[in-house]
Amino acid sequence: MTASDPVAPEDPILVRVEDLRAARLCLQGARPWFRRHGFDWQDFLISGISADRLATTGDALALRVIATARERVGREDRDSPPNPHTEDRTDGR
């Protein structure tokens, strides 16, 4: 991924409806946009959509939403406490 390519191949980021709102995009316009691109709007509302699927459209607004989702995930990662079950253990257990 480079600065000019906001989405890495097989990007694990899940774009959610809150990302559309945070990117200041109109939900009323997003619904027909999803239909035009063959995406299921109801499924998106329930489960989100992967950034790599959105990126396949090449649409500038989709890339903007993906960037917003990446920022959200970065904030969530910084703000979440470390998981003791996934930390490296040095005590031999």
C-alpha atoms as a PDB file:
ATOM      1  CA  MET A   1       0.000   0.000   0.000  1.00  0.00           C
ATOM      2  CA  THR A   2       1.243   3.491  -0.824  1.00  0.00           C
ATOM      3  CA  ALA A   3       0.023   6.970  -0.022  1.00  0.00           C
ATOM      4  CA  SER A   4      -1.656   7.120  -3.431  1.00  0.00           C
ATOM      5  CA  ASP A   5      -3.287   3.701  -2.907  1.00  0.00           C
ATOM      6  CA  PRO A   6      -5.543   3.974   0.175  1.00  0.00           C
ATOM      7  CA  VAL A   7      -6.524   0.292   0.126  1.00  0.00           C
ATOM      8  CA  ALA A   8      -4.140  -2.621   0.482  1.00  0.00           C
ATOM      9  CA  PRO A   9      -4.997  -5.830  -1.380  1.00  0.00           C
ATOM     10  CA  GLU A  10      -7.369  -7.930   0.716  1.00  0.00           C
ATOM     11  CA  ASP A  11      -7.770  -5.061   3.158  1.00  0.00           C
ATOM     12  CA  PRO A  12      -9.275  -6.469   6.372  1.00  0.00           C
ATOM     13  CA  ILE A  13     -11.048  -3.189   7.144  1.00  0.00           C
ATOM     14  CA  LEU A  14     -14.807  -3.528   7.465  1.00  0.00           C
ATOM     15  CA  VAL A  15     -16.632  -0.384   6.356  1.00  0.00           C
ATOM     16  CA  ARG A  16     -19.753   0.331   8.392  1.00  0.00           C
ATOM     17  CA  VAL A  17     -22.644   2.771   8.038  1.00  0.00           C
ATOM     18  CA  GLU A  18     -21.053   4.986  10.698  1.00  0.00           C
ATOM     19  CA  ASP A  19     -18.126   5.457   8.293  1.00  0.00           C
ATOM     20  CA  LEU A  20     -20.477   6.795   5.606  1.00  0.00           C
ATOM     21  CA  ARG A  21     -21.827   9.291   8.105  1.00  0.00           C
ATOM     22  CA  ALA A  22     -18.352  10.250   9.346  1.00  0.00           C
ATOM     23  CA  ALA A  23     -17.258  10.833   5.739  1.00  0.00           C
ATOM     24  CA  ARG A  24     -20.284  13.152   5.475  1.00  0.00           C
ATOM     25  CA  LEU A  25     -21.912  11.170   2.687  1.00  0.00           C
ATOM     26  CA  CYS A  26     -25.653  11.119   2.159  1.00  0.00           C
ATOM     27  CA  LEU A  27     -27.271   7.801   3.069  1.00  0.00           C
ATOM     28  CA  GLN A  28     -30.155   8.591   0.719  1.00  0.00           C
ATOM     29  CA  GLY A  29     -27.670   8.678  -2.188  1.00  0.00           C
ATOM     30  CA  ALA A  30     -25.665   5.720  -0.913  1.00  0.00           C
ATOM     31  CA  ARG A  31     -28.521   3.260  -1.251  1.00  0.00           C
ATOM     32  CA  PRO A  32     -28.887   3.607  -5.050  1.00  0.00           C
ATOM     33  CA  TRP A  33     -25.090   3.740  -5.356  1.00  0.00           C
ATOM     34  CA  PHE A  34     -24.903   0.326  -3.661  1.00  0.00           C
ATOM     35  CA  ARG A  35     -27.556  -1.039  -6.016  1.00  0.00           C
ATOM     36  CA  ARG A  36     -25.721   0.322  -9.097  1.00  0.00           C
ATOM     37  CA  HIS A  37     -22.540  -1.445  -7.993  1.00  0.00           C
ATOM     38  CA  GLY A  38     -24.287  -4.727  -7.158  1.00  0.00           C
ATOM     39  CA  PHE A  39     -23.904  -4.434  -3.376  1.00  0.00           C
ATOM     40  CA  ASP A  40     -26.658  -5.397  -0.953  1.00  0.00           C
ATOM     41  CA  TRP A  41     -27.694  -2.321   1.048  1.00  0.00           C
ATOM     42  CA  GLN A  42     -29.495  -4.253   3.805  1.00  0.00           C
ATOM     43  CA  ASP A  43     -26.529  -6.577   4.266  1.00  0.00           C
ATOM     44  CA  PHE A  44     -24.256  -3.534   4.499  1.00  0.00           C
ATOM     45  CA  LEU A  45     -26.451  -1.980   7.186  1.00  0.00           C
ATOM     46  CA  ILE A  46     -26.341  -5.199   9.214  1.00  0.00           C
ATOM     47  CA  SER A  47     -22.813  -6.479   8.595  1.00  0.00           C
ATOM     48  CA  GLY A  48     -20.789  -3.780   6.853  1.00  0.00           C
ATOM     49  CA  ILE A  49     -18.754  -4.381   3.702  1.00  0.00           C
ATOM     50  CA  SER A  50     -15.078  -5.104   3.218  1.00  0.00           C
ATOM     51  CA  ALA A  51     -12.938  -2.221   2.053  1.00  0.00           C
ATOM     52  CA  ASP A  52     -11.493  -4.318  -0.767  1.00  0.00           C
ATOM     53  CA  ARG A  53     -14.986  -4.900  -2.218  1.00  0.00           C
ATOM     54  CA  LEU A  54     -15.718  -1.183  -2.133  1.00  0.00           C
ATOM     55  CA  ALA A  55     -12.332  -0.380  -3.628  1.00  0.00           C
ATOM     56  CA  THR A  56     -13.093  -2.493  -6.698  1.00  0.00           C
ATOM     57  CA  THR A  57     -15.472   0.260  -7.813  1.00  0.00           C
ATOM     58  CA  GLY A  58     -12.611   2.752  -8.147  1.00  0.00           C
ATOM     59  CA  ASP A  59     -15.094   5.402  -7.026  1.00  0.00           C
ATOM     60  CA  ALA A  60     -13.527   8.429  -5.308  1.00  0.00           C
ATOM     61  CA  LEU A  61     -16.316   8.580  -2.718  1.00  0.00           C
ATOM     62  CA  ALA A  62     -15.861   4.886  -1.898  1.00  0.00           C
ATOM     63  CA  LEU A  63     -12.140   5.514  -1.379  1.00  0.00           C
ATOM     64  CA  ARG A  64     -13.022   8.433   0.915  1.00  0.00           C
ATOM     65  CA  VAL A  65     -15.255   6.179   3.034  1.00  0.00           C
ATOM     66  CA  ILE A  66     -12.519   3.532   3.164  1.00  0.00           C
ATOM     67  CA  ALA A  67     -10.027   6.135   4.410  1.00  0.00           C
ATOM     68  CA  THR A  68     -12.538   7.175   7.078  1.00  0.00           C
ATOM     69  CA  ALA A  69     -12.996   3.538   8.142  1.00  0.00           C
ATOM     70  CA  ARG A  70      -9.219   3.062   8.350  1.00  0.00           C
ATOM     71  CA  GLU A  71      -8.994   6.113  10.633  1.00  0.00           C
ATOM     72  CA  ARG A  72     -11.756   4.669  12.847  1.00  0.00           C
ATOM     73  CA  VAL A  73     -10.005   1.306  13.098  1.00  0.00           C
ATOM     74  CA  GLY A  74      -6.719   3.049  13.917  1.00  0.00           C
ATOM     75  CA  ARG A  75      -8.429   4.976  16.730  1.00  0.00           C
ATOM     76  CA  GLU A  76     -10.069   1.797  18.035  1.00  0.00           C
ATOM     77  CA  ASP A  77      -6.712  -0.009  18.022  1.00  0.00           C
ATOM     78  CA  ARG A  78      -5.019   2.840  19.907  1.00  0.00           C
ATOM     79  CA  ASP A  79      -7.834   3.188  22.425  1.00  0.00           C
ATOM     80  CA  SER A  80      -8.383  -0.484  23.231  1.00  0.00           C
ATOM     81  CA  PRO A  81      -6.539  -2.033  26.176  1.00  0.00           C
ATOM     82  CA  PRO A  82      -4.049  -4.815  25.423  1.00  0.00           C
ATOM     83  CA  ASN A  83      -5.444  -8.337  25.490  1.00  0.00           C
ATOM     84  CA  PRO A  84      -3.475 -10.431  28.015  1.00  0.00           C
ATOM     85  CA  HIS A  85      -4.352 -13.573  26.050  1.00  0.00           C
ATOM     86  CA  THR A  86      -2.577 -12.338  22.918  1.00  0.00           C
ATOM     87  CA  GLU A  87       0.441 -10.665  24.509  1.00  0.00           C
ATOM     88  CA  ASP A  88       3.830 -12.355  24.253  1.00  0.00           C
ATOM     89  CA  ARG A  89       4.487 -14.340  27.382  1.00  0.00           C
ATOM     90  CA  THR A  90       7.947 -14.326  28.901  1.00  0.00           C
ATOM     91  CA  ASP A  91       7.117 -16.434  31.935  1.00  0.00           C
ATOM     92  CA  GLY A  92       7.219 -19.721  30.019  1.00  0.00           C
ATOM     93  CA  ARG A  93       3.489 -20.403  30.253  1.00  0.00           C
END
